[in-house]
Amino acid sequence: MKETYKYDEKGNKIEENHYEPSTLYNIQYVYDKNGNWIKSTFSNNGVATSISIREIEYYTKDAYSIC
């Protein structure tokens, strides 16, 4: 099996390909401004078979202030 990877300018993996004799598995990632992946798409021979979406809630330091 052969594998290839692509990265964006921030070093985040944006695509990976897994080649088998008759099949290409592909995973693509989308990242938020904090560098966490929020969407991944899994494809089998060019057909999307699974999409995962993550919703991440971020808190500021002020959210933990004690009055």
PDB file of N, CA and C in Angstrom:
ATOM      1  N   MET A   1       0.839  -1.166   0.000  1.00  0.00           N
ATOM      2  CA  MET A   1       0.000   0.000   0.000  1.00  0.00           C
ATOM      3  C   MET A   1       0.889   1.236   0.000  1.00  0.00           C
ATOM      4  N   LYS A   2       0.535   2.233  -0.785  1.00  0.00           N
ATOM      5  CA  LYS A   2       1.247   3.501  -0.838  1.00  0.00           C
ATOM      6  C   LYS A   2       0.397   4.562  -0.157  1.00  0.00           C
ATOM      7  N   GLU A   3       1.035   5.483   0.551  1.00  0.00           N
ATOM      8  CA  GLU A   3       0.321   6.567   1.210  1.00  0.00           C
ATOM      9  C   GLU A   3       0.975   7.892   0.861  1.00  0.00           C
ATOM     10  N   THR A   4       0.158   8.933   0.664  1.00  0.00           N
ATOM     11  CA  THR A   4       0.666  10.279   0.448  1.00  0.00           C
ATOM     12  C   THR A   4      -0.107  11.240   1.346  1.00  0.00           C
ATOM     13  N   TYR A   5       0.535  12.360   1.669  1.00  0.00           N
ATOM     14  CA  TYR A   5      -0.056  13.355   2.556  1.00  0.00           C
ATOM     15  C   TYR A   5       0.193  14.751   2.008  1.00  0.00           C
ATOM     16  N   LYS A   6      -0.756  15.667   2.267  1.00  0.00           N
ATOM     17  CA  LYS A   6      -0.591  17.073   1.923  1.00  0.00           C
ATOM     18  C   LYS A   6      -0.855  17.892   3.179  1.00  0.00           C
ATOM     19  N   TYR A   7      -0.076  18.976   3.328  1.00  0.00           N
ATOM     20  CA  TYR A   7      -0.176  19.839   4.496  1.00  0.00           C
ATOM     21  C   TYR A   7      -0.370  21.283   4.058  1.00  0.00           C
ATOM     22  N   ASP A   8      -1.036  22.076   4.907  1.00  0.00           N
ATOM     23  CA  ASP A   8      -1.181  23.494   4.611  1.00  0.00           C
ATOM     24  C   ASP A   8       0.038  24.248   5.138  1.00  0.00           C
ATOM     25  N   GLU A   9       0.027  25.571   4.995  1.00  0.00           N
ATOM     26  CA  GLU A   9       1.171  26.388   5.393  1.00  0.00           C
ATOM     27  C   GLU A   9       1.399  26.395   6.904  1.00  0.00           C
ATOM     28  N   LYS A  10       0.396  25.971   7.690  1.00  0.00           N
ATOM     29  CA  LYS A  10       0.538  25.905   9.147  1.00  0.00           C
ATOM     30  C   LYS A  10       0.955  24.519   9.626  1.00  0.00           C
ATOM     31  N   GLY A  11       1.142  23.591   8.700  1.00  0.00           N
ATOM     32  CA  GLY A  11       1.551  22.242   9.052  1.00  0.00           C
ATOM     33  C   GLY A  11       0.406  21.294   9.359  1.00  0.00           C
ATOM     34  N   ASN A  12      -0.827  21.745   9.141  1.00  0.00           N
ATOM     35  CA  ASN A  12      -1.989  20.878   9.347  1.00  0.00           C
ATOM     36  C   ASN A  12      -2.150  19.928   8.168  1.00  0.00           C
ATOM     37  N   LYS A  13      -2.400  18.661   8.463  1.00  0.00           N
ATOM     38  CA  LYS A  13      -2.633  17.694   7.391  1.00  0.00           C
ATOM     39  C   LYS A  13      -4.001  17.999   6.773  1.00  0.00           C
ATOM     40  N   ILE A  14      -4.022  18.297   5.478  1.00  0.00           N
ATOM     41  CA  ILE A  14      -5.282  18.632   4.814  1.00  0.00           C
ATOM     42  C   ILE A  14      -5.783  17.507   3.916  1.00  0.00           C
ATOM     43  N   GLU A  15      -4.905  16.560   3.606  1.00  0.00           N
ATOM     44  CA  GLU A  15      -5.329  15.449   2.755  1.00  0.00           C
ATOM     45  C   GLU A  15      -4.402  14.264   2.953  1.00  0.00           C
ATOM     46  N   GLU A  16      -5.003  13.084   2.950  1.00  0.00           N
ATOM     47  CA  GLU A  16      -4.206  11.862   2.935  1.00  0.00           C
ATOM     48  C   GLU A  16      -4.833  10.879   1.963  1.00  0.00           C
ATOM     49  N   ASN A  17      -3.966  10.178   1.255  1.00  0.00           N
ATOM     50  CA  ASN A  17      -4.393   9.192   0.267  1.00  0.00           C
ATOM     51  C   ASN A  17      -3.751   7.853   0.583  1.00  0.00           C
ATOM     52  N   HIS A  18      -4.566   6.812   0.501  1.00  0.00           N
ATOM     53  CA  HIS A  18      -4.093   5.443   0.716  1.00  0.00           C
ATOM     54  C   HIS A  18      -4.421   4.657  -0.553  1.00  0.00           C
ATOM     55  N   TYR A  19      -3.387   4.243  -1.233  1.00  0.00           N
ATOM     56  CA  TYR A  19      -3.546   3.540  -2.502  1.00  0.00           C
ATOM     57  C   TYR A  19      -3.392   2.036  -2.289  1.00  0.00           C
ATOM     58  N   GLU A  20      -4.373   1.292  -2.707  1.00  0.00           N
ATOM     59  CA  GLU A  20      -4.301  -0.162  -2.746  1.00  0.00           C
ATOM     60  C   GLU A  20      -4.452  -0.565  -4.211  1.00  0.00           C
ATOM     61  N   PRO A  21      -4.208  -1.792  -4.559  1.00  0.00           N
ATOM     62  CA  PRO A  21      -4.220  -2.173  -5.979  1.00  0.00           C
ATOM     63  C   PRO A  21      -5.447  -1.700  -6.772  1.00  0.00           C
ATOM     64  N   SER A  22      -6.625  -1.785  -6.217  1.00  0.00           N
ATOM     65  CA  SER A  22      -7.811  -1.386  -6.989  1.00  0.00           C
ATOM     66  C   SER A  22      -8.630  -0.298  -6.304  1.00  0.00           C
ATOM     67  N   THR A  23      -8.097   0.293  -5.225  1.00  0.00           N
ATOM     68  CA  THR A  23      -8.877   1.249  -4.451  1.00  0.00           C
ATOM     69  C   THR A  23      -8.027   2.429  -4.007  1.00  0.00           C
ATOM     70  N   LEU A  24      -8.619   3.611  -4.067  1.00  0.00           N
ATOM     71  CA  LEU A  24      -7.995   4.812  -3.516  1.00  0.00           C
ATOM     72  C   LEU A  24      -8.881   5.309  -2.388  1.00  0.00           C
ATOM     73  N   TYR A  25      -8.326   5.338  -1.183  1.00  0.00           N
ATOM     74  CA  TYR A  25      -9.013   5.928  -0.045  1.00  0.00           C
ATOM     75  C   TYR A  25      -8.445   7.320   0.164  1.00  0.00           C
ATOM     76  N   ASN A  26      -9.317   8.301   0.332  1.00  0.00           N
ATOM     77  CA  ASN A  26      -8.899   9.689   0.468  1.00  0.00           C
ATOM     78  C   ASN A  26      -9.611  10.292   1.670  1.00  0.00           C
ATOM     79  N   ILE A  27      -8.866  11.055   2.467  1.00  0.00           N
ATOM     80  CA  ILE A  27      -9.452  11.793   3.574  1.00  0.00           C
ATOM     81  C   ILE A  27      -8.999  13.238   3.453  1.00  0.00           C
ATOM     82  N   GLN A  28      -9.969  14.157   3.495  1.00  0.00           N
ATOM     83  CA  GLN A  28      -9.663  15.585   3.442  1.00  0.00           C
ATOM     84  C   GLN A  28     -10.138  16.236   4.732  1.00  0.00           C
ATOM     85  N   TYR A  29      -9.350  17.213   5.214  1.00  0.00           N
ATOM     86  CA  TYR A  29      -9.639  17.884   6.474  1.00  0.00           C
ATOM     87  C   TYR A  29      -9.795  19.379   6.265  1.00  0.00           C
ATOM     88  N   VAL A  30     -10.715  19.980   7.039  1.00  0.00           N
ATOM     89  CA  VAL A  30     -10.891  21.432   7.084  1.00  0.00           C
ATOM     90  C   VAL A  30     -10.658  21.839   8.534  1.00  0.00           C
ATOM     91  N   TYR A  31      -9.904  22.931   8.735  1.00  0.00           N
ATOM     92  CA  TYR A  31      -9.525  23.377  10.078  1.00  0.00           C
ATOM     93  C   TYR A  31     -10.144  24.721  10.412  1.00  0.00           C
ATOM     94  N   ASP A  32     -10.342  24.961  11.712  1.00  0.00           N
ATOM     95  CA  ASP A  32     -10.814  26.271  12.159  1.00  0.00           C
ATOM     96  C   ASP A  32      -9.608  27.175  12.414  1.00  0.00           C
ATOM     97  N   LYS A  33      -9.863  28.397  12.853  1.00  0.00           N
ATOM     98  CA  LYS A  33      -8.780  29.367  13.053  1.00  0.00           C
ATOM     99  C   LYS A  33      -7.843  28.988  14.194  1.00  0.00           C
ATOM    100  N   ASN A  34      -8.259  28.038  15.046  1.00  0.00           N
ATOM    101  CA  ASN A  34      -7.418  27.584  16.155  1.00  0.00           C
ATOM    102  C   ASN A  34      -6.599  26.336  15.808  1.00  0.00           C
ATOM    103  N   GLY A  35      -6.720  25.858  14.582  1.00  0.00           N
ATOM    104  CA  GLY A  35      -5.922  24.722  14.141  1.00  0.00           C
ATOM    105  C   GLY A  35      -6.514  23.362  14.448  1.00  0.00           C
ATOM    106  N   ASN A  36      -7.795  23.318  14.820  1.00  0.00           N
ATOM    107  CA  ASN A  36      -8.463  22.038  15.072  1.00  0.00           C
ATOM    108  C   ASN A  36      -9.300  21.660  13.861  1.00  0.00           C
ATOM    109  N   TRP A  37      -9.252  20.375  13.487  1.00  0.00           N
ATOM    110  CA  TRP A  37     -10.060  19.993  12.330  1.00  0.00           C
ATOM    111  C   TRP A  37     -11.529  20.022  12.735  1.00  0.00           C
ATOM    112  N   ILE A  38     -12.338  20.577  11.843  1.00  0.00           N
ATOM    113  CA  ILE A  38     -13.773  20.693  12.109  1.00  0.00           C
ATOM    114  C   ILE A  38     -14.600  19.899  11.111  1.00  0.00           C
ATOM    115  N   LYS A  39     -13.954  19.437  10.029  1.00  0.00           N
ATOM    116  CA  LYS A  39     -14.658  18.619   9.044  1.00  0.00           C
ATOM    117  C   LYS A  39     -13.663  17.658   8.406  1.00  0.00           C
ATOM    118  N   SER A  40     -14.061  16.407   8.299  1.00  0.00           N
ATOM    119  CA  SER A  40     -13.263  15.438   7.553  1.00  0.00           C
ATOM    120  C   SER A  40     -14.187  14.698   6.599  1.00  0.00           C
ATOM    121  N   THR A  41     -13.682  14.489   5.400  1.00  0.00           N
ATOM    122  CA  THR A  41     -14.450  13.791   4.373  1.00  0.00           C
ATOM    123  C   THR A  41     -13.659  12.574   3.931  1.00  0.00           C
ATOM    124  N   PHE A  42     -14.275  11.410   4.053  1.00  0.00           N
ATOM    125  CA  PHE A  42     -13.651  10.148   3.653  1.00  0.00           C
ATOM    126  C   PHE A  42     -14.255   9.732   2.318  1.00  0.00           C
ATOM    127  N   SER A  43     -13.395   9.457   1.345  1.00  0.00           N
ATOM    128  CA  SER A  43     -13.850   9.037   0.018  1.00  0.00           C
ATOM    129  C   SER A  43     -13.235   7.697  -0.350  1.00  0.00           C
ATOM    130  N   ASN A  44     -13.985   6.939  -1.116  1.00  0.00           N
ATOM    131  CA  ASN A  44     -13.551   5.642  -1.617  1.00  0.00           C
ATOM    132  C   ASN A  44     -13.671   5.701  -3.132  1.00  0.00           C
ATOM    133  N   ASN A  45     -12.527   5.679  -3.816  1.00  0.00           N
ATOM    134  CA  ASN A  45     -12.489   5.791  -5.280  1.00  0.00           C
ATOM    135  C   ASN A  45     -13.233   7.021  -5.793  1.00  0.00           C
ATOM    136  N   GLY A  46     -13.042   8.145  -5.094  1.00  0.00           N
ATOM    137  CA  GLY A  46     -13.610   9.417  -5.550  1.00  0.00           C
ATOM    138  C   GLY A  46     -15.036   9.687  -5.118  1.00  0.00           C
ATOM    139  N   VAL A  47     -15.647   8.779  -4.376  1.00  0.00           N
ATOM    140  CA  VAL A  47     -17.023   8.956  -3.920  1.00  0.00           C
ATOM    141  C   VAL A  47     -17.013   9.150  -2.407  1.00  0.00           C
ATOM    142  N   ALA A  48     -17.524  10.306  -1.955  1.00  0.00           N
ATOM    143  CA  ALA A  48     -17.580  10.569  -0.520  1.00  0.00           C
ATOM    144  C   ALA A  48     -18.497   9.551   0.151  1.00  0.00           C
ATOM    145  N   THR A  49     -17.965   8.853   1.145  1.00  0.00           N
ATOM    146  CA  THR A  49     -18.752   7.837   1.842  1.00  0.00           C
ATOM    147  C   THR A  49     -19.040   8.213   3.289  1.00  0.00           C
ATOM    148  N   SER A  50     -18.291   9.198   3.808  1.00  0.00           N
ATOM    149  CA  SER A  50     -18.489   9.603   5.194  1.00  0.00           C
ATOM    150  C   SER A  50     -18.002  11.033   5.378  1.00  0.00           C
ATOM    151  N   ILE A  51     -18.799  11.832   6.072  1.00  0.00           N
ATOM    152  CA  ILE A  51     -18.403  13.194   6.424  1.00  0.00           C
ATOM    153  C   ILE A  51     -18.598  13.353   7.929  1.00  0.00           C
ATOM    154  N   SER A  52     -17.549  13.784   8.599  1.00  0.00           N
ATOM    155  CA  SER A  52     -17.619  14.041  10.041  1.00  0.00           C
ATOM    156  C   SER A  52     -17.451  15.530  10.272  1.00  0.00           C
ATOM    157  N   ILE A  53     -18.336  16.098  11.074  1.00  0.00           N
ATOM    158  CA  ILE A  53     -18.266  17.521  11.404  1.00  0.00           C
ATOM    159  C   ILE A  53     -18.183  17.648  12.918  1.00  0.00           C
ATOM    160  N   ARG A  54     -17.203  18.427  13.371  1.00  0.00           N
ATOM    161  CA  ARG A  54     -17.036  18.659  14.808  1.00  0.00           C
ATOM    162  C   ARG A  54     -17.337  20.126  15.096  1.00  0.00           C
ATOM    163  N   GLU A  55     -18.095  20.355  16.136  1.00  0.00           N
ATOM    164  CA  GLU A  55     -18.357  21.711  16.598  1.00  0.00           C
ATOM    165  C   GLU A  55     -17.608  21.877  17.912  1.00  0.00           C
ATOM    166  N   ILE A  56     -16.689  22.825  17.937  1.00  0.00           N
ATOM    167  CA  ILE A  56     -15.850  23.032  19.111  1.00  0.00           C
ATOM    168  C   ILE A  56     -16.213  24.380  19.718  1.00  0.00           C
ATOM    169  N   GLU A  57     -16.499  24.384  21.010  1.00  0.00           N
ATOM    170  CA  GLU A  57     -16.826  25.615  21.708  1.00  0.00           C
ATOM    171  C   GLU A  57     -15.598  26.047  22.500  1.00  0.00           C
ATOM    172  N   TYR A  58     -15.153  27.260  22.249  1.00  0.00           N
ATOM    173  CA  TYR A  58     -13.974  27.788  22.920  1.00  0.00           C
ATOM    174  C   TYR A  58     -14.408  28.767  24.001  1.00  0.00           C
ATOM    175  N   TYR A  59     -13.687  28.758  25.099  1.00  0.00           N
ATOM    176  CA  TYR A  59     -13.952  29.660  26.209  1.00  0.00           C
ATOM    177  C   TYR A  59     -12.785  30.626  26.342  1.00  0.00           C
ATOM    178  N   THR A  60     -13.092  31.847  26.732  1.00  0.00           N
ATOM    179  CA  THR A  60     -12.044  32.840  26.977  1.00  0.00           C
ATOM    180  C   THR A  60     -11.642  32.774  28.440  1.00  0.00           C
ATOM    181  N   LYS A  61     -10.529  33.409  28.780  1.00  0.00           N
ATOM    182  CA  LYS A  61     -10.097  33.458  30.171  1.00  0.00           C
ATOM    183  C   LYS A  61     -11.160  34.113  31.042  1.00  0.00           C
ATOM    184  N   ASP A  62     -11.851  35.119  30.493  1.00  0.00           N
ATOM    185  CA  ASP A  62     -12.876  35.837  31.244  1.00  0.00           C
ATOM    186  C   ASP A  62     -14.022  34.935  31.654  1.00  0.00           C
ATOM    187  N   ALA A  63     -14.262  33.874  30.937  1.00  0.00           N
ATOM    188  CA  ALA A  63     -15.372  32.970  31.257  1.00  0.00           C
ATOM    189  C   ALA A  63     -15.116  32.262  32.582  1.00  0.00           C
ATOM    190  N   TYR A  64     -13.871  32.213  33.038  1.00  0.00           N
ATOM    191  CA  TYR A  64     -13.532  31.524  34.276  1.00  0.00           C
ATOM    192  C   TYR A  64     -13.220  32.475  35.427  1.00  0.00           C
ATOM    193  N   SER A  65     -13.451  33.763  35.218  1.00  0.00           N
ATOM    194  CA  SER A  65     -13.176  34.732  36.281  1.00  0.00           C
ATOM    195  C   SER A  65     -14.156  34.547  37.442  1.00  0.00           C
ATOM    196  N   ILE A  66     -13.638  34.660  38.637  1.00  0.00           N
ATOM    197  CA  ILE A  66     -14.477  34.568  39.838  1.00  0.00           C
ATOM    198  C   ILE A  66     -14.652  35.978  40.388  1.00  0.00           C
ATOM    199  N   CYS A  67     -15.891  36.364  40.570  1.00  0.00           N
ATOM    200  CA  CYS A  67     -16.174  37.718  41.075  1.00  0.00           C
ATOM    201  C   CYS A  67     -16.356  37.701  42.568  1.00  0.00           C
TER     202      CYS A  67
END
